[in-house]
N, C-alpha and C. Protein backbone atom coordinates (compact mmCIF):
# COMPACT_ATOMS: atom_id res chain seq x y z
N MET A 1 104.09 171.80 -50.80
CA MET A 1 104.36 171.46 -49.46
C MET A 1 105.84 171.53 -49.19
N ASN A 2 106.14 172.13 -48.12
CA ASN A 2 107.52 172.31 -47.76
C ASN A 2 107.87 171.31 -46.65
N THR A 3 108.68 170.37 -46.99
CA THR A 3 109.08 169.39 -45.98
C THR A 3 110.52 169.65 -45.59
N THR A 4 110.69 169.79 -44.37
CA THR A 4 112.05 169.93 -43.84
C THR A 4 112.44 168.65 -43.13
N GLU A 5 113.57 168.21 -43.45
CA GLU A 5 114.05 166.99 -42.82
C GLU A 5 114.79 167.35 -41.54
N VAL A 6 114.42 166.62 -40.51
CA VAL A 6 115.08 166.81 -39.23
C VAL A 6 116.29 165.90 -39.22
N PRO A 7 117.48 166.45 -38.92
CA PRO A 7 118.66 165.57 -38.91
C PRO A 7 118.56 164.55 -37.78
N ALA A 8 118.99 163.36 -38.09
CA ALA A 8 118.96 162.29 -37.08
C ALA A 8 120.00 162.59 -36.02
N THR A 9 119.57 162.50 -34.81
CA THR A 9 120.50 162.74 -33.71
C THR A 9 120.79 161.41 -33.01
N THR A 10 121.97 161.25 -32.57
CA THR A 10 122.33 160.04 -31.84
C THR A 10 122.10 160.28 -30.36
N VAL A 11 121.47 159.29 -29.74
CA VAL A 11 121.20 159.38 -28.32
C VAL A 11 122.36 158.75 -27.57
N LEU A 12 122.98 159.50 -26.73
CA LEU A 12 124.08 158.98 -25.92
C LEU A 12 123.53 158.55 -24.57
N ARG A 13 123.70 157.29 -24.29
CA ARG A 13 123.23 156.77 -23.01
C ARG A 13 124.42 156.72 -22.06
N PRO A 14 124.21 157.13 -20.85
CA PRO A 14 125.32 157.06 -19.91
C PRO A 14 125.53 155.61 -19.46
N GLY A 15 126.73 155.25 -19.10
CA GLY A 15 127.00 153.91 -18.60
C GLY A 15 128.08 153.22 -19.39
N ILE A 16 128.23 151.95 -19.08
CA ILE A 16 129.28 151.14 -19.69
C ILE A 16 128.67 150.36 -20.84
N PRO A 17 129.34 150.30 -21.97
CA PRO A 17 128.81 149.53 -23.10
C PRO A 17 128.66 148.04 -22.74
N GLY A 18 127.67 147.41 -23.31
CA GLY A 18 127.33 146.03 -23.00
C GLY A 18 128.45 145.03 -23.20
N LYS A 19 129.27 145.22 -24.26
CA LYS A 19 130.34 144.26 -24.50
C LYS A 19 131.35 144.27 -23.37
N TYR A 20 131.57 145.42 -22.75
CA TYR A 20 132.50 145.48 -21.61
C TYR A 20 131.91 144.83 -20.36
N VAL A 21 130.60 144.93 -20.22
CA VAL A 21 129.94 144.27 -19.09
C VAL A 21 130.07 142.75 -19.22
N VAL A 22 129.86 142.23 -20.43
CA VAL A 22 129.97 140.79 -20.66
C VAL A 22 131.40 140.31 -20.43
N ILE A 23 132.37 141.05 -20.93
CA ILE A 23 133.78 140.69 -20.71
C ILE A 23 134.09 140.71 -19.22
N GLY A 24 133.61 141.71 -18.51
CA GLY A 24 133.81 141.79 -17.06
C GLY A 24 133.19 140.62 -16.32
N MET A 25 132.02 140.17 -16.76
CA MET A 25 131.37 139.02 -16.13
C MET A 25 132.19 137.75 -16.34
N PHE A 26 132.74 137.57 -17.54
CA PHE A 26 133.59 136.39 -17.79
C PHE A 26 134.85 136.43 -16.92
N ILE A 27 135.45 137.60 -16.79
CA ILE A 27 136.65 137.72 -15.95
C ILE A 27 136.31 137.43 -14.49
N LEU A 28 135.20 138.01 -14.00
CA LEU A 28 134.79 137.77 -12.61
C LEU A 28 134.48 136.29 -12.37
N GLY A 29 133.81 135.64 -13.32
CA GLY A 29 133.52 134.21 -13.20
C GLY A 29 134.79 133.37 -13.18
N SER A 30 135.77 133.74 -14.01
CA SER A 30 137.04 133.00 -14.04
C SER A 30 137.79 133.17 -12.72
N ILE A 31 137.80 134.37 -12.18
CA ILE A 31 138.48 134.61 -10.91
C ILE A 31 137.80 133.84 -9.78
N ALA A 32 136.47 133.84 -9.76
CA ALA A 32 135.73 133.11 -8.72
C ALA A 32 135.99 131.61 -8.81
N THR A 33 135.99 131.07 -10.02
CA THR A 33 136.25 129.64 -10.21
C THR A 33 137.66 129.27 -9.76
N ALA A 34 138.64 130.08 -10.12
CA ALA A 34 140.03 129.82 -9.72
C ALA A 34 140.19 129.90 -8.21
N THR A 35 139.53 130.87 -7.58
CA THR A 35 139.61 131.02 -6.13
C THR A 35 139.02 129.81 -5.42
N ILE A 36 137.87 129.35 -5.87
CA ILE A 36 137.23 128.18 -5.25
C ILE A 36 138.10 126.94 -5.45
N TYR A 37 138.68 126.76 -6.62
CA TYR A 37 139.53 125.60 -6.88
C TYR A 37 140.77 125.63 -5.99
N ILE A 38 141.42 126.78 -5.88
CA ILE A 38 142.63 126.90 -5.05
C ILE A 38 142.30 126.64 -3.59
N TYR A 39 141.19 127.21 -3.10
CA TYR A 39 140.79 126.98 -1.72
C TYR A 39 140.53 125.49 -1.48
N TRP A 40 139.77 124.85 -2.37
CA TRP A 40 139.45 123.42 -2.23
C TRP A 40 140.73 122.59 -2.24
N ASP A 41 141.65 122.90 -3.16
CA ASP A 41 142.88 122.14 -3.26
C ASP A 41 143.72 122.28 -1.99
N LEU A 42 143.87 123.48 -1.48
CA LEU A 42 144.66 123.68 -0.27
C LEU A 42 143.99 123.07 0.96
N HIS A 43 142.66 123.07 0.99
CA HIS A 43 141.91 122.55 2.13
C HIS A 43 141.93 121.02 2.19
N THR A 44 141.94 120.36 1.03
CA THR A 44 141.85 118.90 1.01
C THR A 44 143.17 118.19 0.75
N LYS A 45 144.19 118.90 0.29
CA LYS A 45 145.45 118.26 -0.09
C LYS A 45 146.10 117.44 1.03
N PRO A 46 146.16 117.94 2.29
CA PRO A 46 146.82 117.14 3.32
C PRO A 46 146.12 115.81 3.62
N PHE A 47 144.84 115.72 3.29
CA PHE A 47 144.05 114.54 3.65
C PHE A 47 143.72 113.67 2.44
N ARG A 48 144.15 114.07 1.27
CA ARG A 48 143.80 113.33 0.06
C ARG A 48 144.34 111.90 0.05
N PRO A 49 145.60 111.63 0.47
CA PRO A 49 146.06 110.23 0.46
C PRO A 49 145.21 109.32 1.37
N LEU A 50 144.84 109.82 2.54
CA LEU A 50 144.01 109.03 3.44
C LEU A 50 142.61 108.84 2.85
N THR A 51 142.04 109.89 2.30
CA THR A 51 140.70 109.79 1.70
C THR A 51 140.70 108.78 0.57
N GLU A 52 141.73 108.80 -0.28
CA GLU A 52 141.79 107.85 -1.39
C GLU A 52 142.01 106.42 -0.91
N ALA A 53 142.82 106.25 0.14
CA ALA A 53 143.06 104.90 0.69
C ALA A 53 141.77 104.32 1.26
N ILE A 54 141.00 105.15 1.98
CA ILE A 54 139.72 104.66 2.53
C ILE A 54 138.77 104.33 1.39
N GLY A 55 138.72 105.18 0.37
CA GLY A 55 137.84 104.92 -0.77
C GLY A 55 138.19 103.66 -1.53
N ARG A 56 139.50 103.36 -1.63
CA ARG A 56 139.92 102.12 -2.31
C ARG A 56 139.56 100.89 -1.48
N GLU A 57 139.74 100.98 -0.17
CA GLU A 57 139.49 99.82 0.69
C GLU A 57 137.99 99.57 0.89
N PHE A 58 137.22 100.63 1.07
CA PHE A 58 135.79 100.51 1.32
C PHE A 58 135.03 101.23 0.21
N ARG A 59 134.71 100.47 -0.83
CA ARG A 59 134.00 101.07 -1.97
C ARG A 59 132.64 101.60 -1.54
N HIS A 60 132.23 102.69 -2.16
CA HIS A 60 130.94 103.33 -1.92
C HIS A 60 130.82 103.89 -0.49
N SER A 61 131.95 104.12 0.17
CA SER A 61 131.88 104.63 1.54
C SER A 61 131.84 106.15 1.60
N LEU A 62 132.11 106.82 0.50
CA LEU A 62 132.11 108.28 0.42
C LEU A 62 132.87 108.92 1.59
N PRO A 63 134.16 108.60 1.74
CA PRO A 63 134.89 109.11 2.90
C PRO A 63 135.11 110.62 2.83
N LYS A 64 135.06 111.23 3.98
CA LYS A 64 135.37 112.65 4.12
C LYS A 64 136.33 112.78 5.29
N VAL A 65 137.51 113.34 5.03
CA VAL A 65 138.52 113.49 6.07
C VAL A 65 138.80 114.97 6.26
N GLU A 66 138.73 115.42 7.49
CA GLU A 66 138.99 116.82 7.82
C GLU A 66 139.91 116.87 9.03
N GLY A 67 140.64 117.93 9.13
CA GLY A 67 141.50 118.10 10.28
C GLY A 67 141.66 119.56 10.62
N GLY A 68 141.88 119.82 11.89
CA GLY A 68 142.10 121.19 12.30
C GLY A 68 141.57 121.46 13.69
N ARG A 69 141.55 122.73 14.01
CA ARG A 69 141.13 123.18 15.33
C ARG A 69 139.86 124.01 15.15
N HIS A 70 138.78 123.65 15.82
CA HIS A 70 137.51 124.36 15.70
C HIS A 70 137.26 125.22 16.94
N LYS A 71 137.18 126.50 16.75
CA LYS A 71 136.88 127.46 17.83
C LYS A 71 137.76 127.25 19.06
N LYS A 72 139.05 127.23 18.84
CA LYS A 72 140.05 127.09 19.90
C LYS A 72 139.95 125.78 20.67
N GLY A 73 139.30 124.79 20.08
CA GLY A 73 139.21 123.47 20.70
C GLY A 73 140.45 122.67 20.38
N PRO A 74 140.44 121.39 20.71
CA PRO A 74 141.62 120.55 20.44
C PRO A 74 141.77 120.29 18.93
N ALA A 75 143.00 120.10 18.51
CA ALA A 75 143.26 119.75 17.11
C ALA A 75 142.67 118.36 16.86
N THR A 76 141.80 118.26 15.88
CA THR A 76 141.03 117.03 15.66
C THR A 76 141.20 116.53 14.24
N LEU A 77 141.40 115.23 14.10
CA LEU A 77 141.33 114.57 12.80
C LEU A 77 140.01 113.82 12.78
N ARG A 78 139.13 114.20 11.83
CA ARG A 78 137.79 113.62 11.76
C ARG A 78 137.61 112.87 10.45
N ILE A 79 137.19 111.61 10.57
CA ILE A 79 136.89 110.78 9.41
C ILE A 79 135.41 110.44 9.45
N THR A 80 134.71 110.75 8.38
CA THR A 80 133.29 110.39 8.27
C THR A 80 133.16 109.43 7.10
N VAL A 81 132.54 108.27 7.37
CA VAL A 81 132.44 107.21 6.37
C VAL A 81 131.02 106.66 6.36
N ARG A 82 130.53 106.40 5.17
CA ARG A 82 129.22 105.77 5.00
C ARG A 82 129.40 104.26 5.08
N VAL A 83 128.57 103.58 5.87
CA VAL A 83 128.69 102.13 6.04
C VAL A 83 127.38 101.45 5.65
N PRO A 84 127.45 100.19 5.18
CA PRO A 84 126.25 99.49 4.76
C PRO A 84 125.51 98.80 5.91
N PHE A 85 126.08 98.81 7.11
CA PHE A 85 125.47 98.13 8.26
C PHE A 85 125.03 99.17 9.28
N LEU A 86 124.23 98.73 10.25
CA LEU A 86 123.78 99.62 11.30
C LEU A 86 124.92 99.81 12.30
N PRO A 87 125.49 101.01 12.36
CA PRO A 87 126.64 101.21 13.24
C PRO A 87 126.24 101.29 14.71
N SER A 88 127.12 100.81 15.56
CA SER A 88 126.90 100.84 17.00
C SER A 88 128.27 100.82 17.67
N THR A 89 128.36 101.38 18.86
CA THR A 89 129.66 101.42 19.54
C THR A 89 130.08 100.07 20.10
N ASN A 90 129.15 99.12 20.22
CA ASN A 90 129.50 97.87 20.89
C ASN A 90 129.34 96.62 20.01
N THR A 91 129.30 96.77 18.70
CA THR A 91 129.24 95.58 17.83
C THR A 91 130.62 95.31 17.24
N ASP A 92 130.91 94.05 17.03
CA ASP A 92 132.21 93.66 16.46
C ASP A 92 132.41 94.27 15.08
N GLN A 93 131.36 94.32 14.28
CA GLN A 93 131.49 94.84 12.92
C GLN A 93 131.92 96.31 12.93
N SER A 94 131.29 97.11 13.77
CA SER A 94 131.67 98.52 13.88
C SER A 94 133.08 98.67 14.43
N GLN A 95 133.41 97.87 15.43
CA GLN A 95 134.73 97.97 16.04
C GLN A 95 135.83 97.54 15.07
N ARG A 96 135.59 96.51 14.26
CA ARG A 96 136.57 96.11 13.26
C ARG A 96 136.75 97.22 12.21
N PHE A 97 135.65 97.83 11.84
CA PHE A 97 135.70 98.93 10.88
C PHE A 97 136.53 100.09 11.43
N VAL A 98 136.30 100.44 12.69
CA VAL A 98 137.04 101.51 13.35
C VAL A 98 138.52 101.15 13.44
N ASN A 99 138.82 99.90 13.78
CA ASN A 99 140.22 99.46 13.84
C ASN A 99 140.91 99.63 12.49
N ARG A 100 140.24 99.24 11.42
CA ARG A 100 140.84 99.35 10.08
C ARG A 100 141.03 100.81 9.68
N LEU A 101 140.05 101.65 9.98
CA LEU A 101 140.20 103.07 9.69
C LEU A 101 141.37 103.67 10.47
N THR A 102 141.55 103.22 11.70
CA THR A 102 142.67 103.69 12.52
C THR A 102 144.00 103.28 11.90
N GLU A 103 144.10 102.05 11.43
CA GLU A 103 145.32 101.58 10.78
C GLU A 103 145.62 102.41 9.52
N LEU A 104 144.59 102.68 8.72
CA LEU A 104 144.78 103.49 7.51
C LEU A 104 145.21 104.91 7.88
N ALA A 105 144.63 105.47 8.92
CA ALA A 105 145.00 106.82 9.34
C ALA A 105 146.46 106.87 9.79
N ARG A 106 146.90 105.83 10.51
CA ARG A 106 148.30 105.79 10.95
C ARG A 106 149.25 105.69 9.76
N GLU A 107 148.83 104.96 8.71
CA GLU A 107 149.68 104.79 7.53
C GLU A 107 149.79 106.06 6.70
N HIS A 108 148.71 106.84 6.61
CA HIS A 108 148.65 107.93 5.65
C HIS A 108 148.63 109.34 6.27
N THR A 109 148.67 109.43 7.59
CA THR A 109 148.60 110.74 8.24
C THR A 109 149.53 110.76 9.44
N ASN A 110 150.06 111.92 9.75
CA ASN A 110 150.85 112.10 10.95
C ASN A 110 149.90 112.42 12.10
N LEU A 111 149.56 111.41 12.89
CA LEU A 111 148.59 111.59 13.98
C LEU A 111 149.13 112.44 15.12
N GLU A 112 150.45 112.61 15.19
CA GLU A 112 151.04 113.35 16.31
C GLU A 112 150.65 114.83 16.31
N GLN A 113 150.23 115.37 15.18
CA GLN A 113 149.85 116.77 15.13
C GLN A 113 148.40 117.03 15.58
N TYR A 114 147.70 115.96 15.96
CA TYR A 114 146.32 116.09 16.43
C TYR A 114 146.20 115.60 17.87
N GLU A 115 145.21 116.12 18.56
CA GLU A 115 144.96 115.71 19.95
C GLU A 115 143.82 114.71 20.03
N VAL A 116 142.86 114.83 19.13
CA VAL A 116 141.67 113.97 19.14
C VAL A 116 141.53 113.30 17.78
N PHE A 117 141.23 112.01 17.81
CA PHE A 117 140.97 111.23 16.60
C PHE A 117 139.50 110.85 16.64
N GLN A 118 138.75 111.27 15.64
CA GLN A 118 137.29 111.11 15.66
C GLN A 118 136.85 110.37 14.40
N ILE A 119 136.00 109.37 14.60
CA ILE A 119 135.44 108.61 13.47
C ILE A 119 133.92 108.66 13.56
N HIS A 120 133.28 108.98 12.45
CA HIS A 120 131.82 108.94 12.35
C HIS A 120 131.45 107.85 11.35
N LEU A 121 130.67 106.88 11.79
CA LEU A 121 130.11 105.87 10.90
C LEU A 121 128.66 106.23 10.66
N VAL A 122 128.29 106.37 9.38
CA VAL A 122 126.95 106.83 9.02
C VAL A 122 126.29 105.77 8.14
N GLN A 123 125.09 105.35 8.53
CA GLN A 123 124.30 104.46 7.68
C GLN A 123 123.14 105.28 7.14
N MET A 124 122.98 105.26 5.82
CA MET A 124 121.89 106.00 5.18
C MET A 124 120.98 105.00 4.48
N ALA A 125 120.01 104.49 5.20
CA ALA A 125 119.07 103.52 4.64
C ALA A 125 117.95 104.28 3.93
N PRO A 126 117.43 103.71 2.85
CA PRO A 126 116.35 104.39 2.11
C PRO A 126 115.12 104.62 2.99
N GLU A 127 114.56 105.81 2.87
CA GLU A 127 113.33 106.21 3.55
C GLU A 127 113.42 106.11 5.07
N GLN A 128 114.63 106.25 5.61
CA GLN A 128 114.83 106.26 7.06
C GLN A 128 115.79 107.38 7.41
N LEU A 129 115.78 107.76 8.67
CA LEU A 129 116.73 108.76 9.12
C LEU A 129 118.13 108.16 9.14
N ALA A 130 119.11 108.97 8.85
CA ALA A 130 120.50 108.51 8.88
C ALA A 130 120.90 108.20 10.32
N VAL A 131 121.66 107.13 10.48
CA VAL A 131 122.17 106.73 11.80
C VAL A 131 123.65 107.08 11.82
N ASP A 132 124.05 107.92 12.77
CA ASP A 132 125.44 108.37 12.89
C ASP A 132 125.96 107.99 14.26
N VAL A 133 127.07 107.25 14.28
CA VAL A 133 127.70 106.87 15.55
C VAL A 133 129.10 107.47 15.55
N GLU A 134 129.44 108.14 16.64
CA GLU A 134 130.72 108.83 16.75
C GLU A 134 131.64 108.10 17.72
N PHE A 135 132.89 107.93 17.30
CA PHE A 135 133.93 107.33 18.13
C PHE A 135 135.01 108.39 18.34
N ASN A 136 135.37 108.66 19.60
CA ASN A 136 136.42 109.63 19.93
C ASN A 136 137.53 108.94 20.69
N PHE A 137 138.77 109.22 20.27
CA PHE A 137 139.93 108.65 20.94
C PHE A 137 141.01 109.72 21.05
N PRO A 138 141.76 109.72 22.14
CA PRO A 138 142.96 110.57 22.16
C PRO A 138 143.98 110.01 21.18
N THR A 139 144.65 110.86 20.45
CA THR A 139 145.57 110.35 19.41
C THR A 139 146.74 109.59 19.99
N GLU A 140 147.18 109.93 21.21
CA GLU A 140 148.28 109.17 21.78
C GLU A 140 147.87 107.72 22.06
N GLU A 141 146.56 107.49 22.24
CA GLU A 141 146.07 106.12 22.46
C GLU A 141 146.08 105.30 21.17
N VAL A 142 145.72 105.92 20.04
CA VAL A 142 145.62 105.18 18.78
C VAL A 142 146.87 105.31 17.91
N ALA A 143 147.86 106.06 18.37
CA ALA A 143 149.08 106.23 17.57
C ALA A 143 149.89 104.95 17.47
N THR A 144 149.75 104.07 18.45
CA THR A 144 150.56 102.85 18.45
C THR A 144 149.75 101.57 18.39
N LYS A 145 148.46 101.64 18.73
CA LYS A 145 147.65 100.42 18.70
C LYS A 145 146.23 100.75 18.29
N VAL A 146 145.50 99.74 17.85
CA VAL A 146 144.11 99.94 17.45
C VAL A 146 143.25 100.08 18.71
N PRO A 147 142.13 100.78 18.61
CA PRO A 147 141.31 101.03 19.80
C PRO A 147 140.67 99.80 20.43
N TYR A 148 140.31 98.81 19.62
CA TYR A 148 139.59 97.65 20.15
C TYR A 148 140.41 96.38 19.97
N ASP A 149 140.55 95.62 21.06
CA ASP A 149 141.21 94.31 20.99
C ASP A 149 140.15 93.27 20.66
N LEU A 150 140.19 92.78 19.45
CA LEU A 150 139.21 91.80 19.00
C LEU A 150 139.93 90.53 18.58
N PRO A 151 139.27 89.40 18.73
CA PRO A 151 139.88 88.16 18.23
C PRO A 151 139.96 88.22 16.71
N PRO A 152 140.92 87.51 16.14
CA PRO A 152 141.03 87.52 14.67
C PRO A 152 139.74 87.01 14.03
N GLU A 153 139.43 87.61 12.90
CA GLU A 153 138.21 87.23 12.20
C GLU A 153 138.37 85.88 11.56
N GLU A 154 137.34 85.05 11.67
CA GLU A 154 137.37 83.70 11.09
C GLU A 154 137.32 83.84 9.57
N PRO A 155 138.24 83.21 8.85
CA PRO A 155 138.18 83.27 7.39
C PRO A 155 136.96 82.49 6.90
N ALA A 156 136.37 83.02 5.85
CA ALA A 156 135.20 82.33 5.28
C ALA A 156 135.68 81.07 4.58
N THR A 157 135.07 79.97 4.95
CA THR A 157 135.46 78.70 4.33
C THR A 157 134.38 78.29 3.34
N THR A 158 134.84 77.78 2.22
CA THR A 158 133.89 77.29 1.21
C THR A 158 134.11 75.80 1.07
N THR A 159 133.04 75.08 0.97
CA THR A 159 133.14 73.64 0.80
C THR A 159 132.79 73.28 -0.64
N ALA A 160 133.65 72.50 -1.24
CA ALA A 160 133.41 72.07 -2.64
C ALA A 160 132.52 70.84 -2.62
N GLN A 161 131.49 70.89 -3.40
CA GLN A 161 130.57 69.75 -3.46
C GLN A 161 130.51 69.20 -4.83
């Protein structure tokens, strides 16, 4: 029997080798991560001191502070805060909360660069729809005084027995 051996031929596949594809994916992922981080940092940096001050004063409030001009509208500083009570525009508790947020905003932000000062109080009770109440003020009104004139809060007194 005559057996002839066929020489092994290498099959050349067109395209990019797999190791270069994997390296390219790592580079693309690193660039995307860096871009998102830089965008987030530049977007939140002007409001970070105010956000941190609200978070320190009102624990578990998950504050979100944004500022800017939306679709050629007025320049707006918007604060959204989660509250443990049912917010309303005419309760003392909501008004005191708004007054304190206004004081913090004056301390940590230059309100003169905005035309509208907006506060959203959001209550998220379990198994219920979120309740959101919006307060809008012109910044020239809140730049020097708090929005609501309320009597001083009575200090809690404890009696020793």
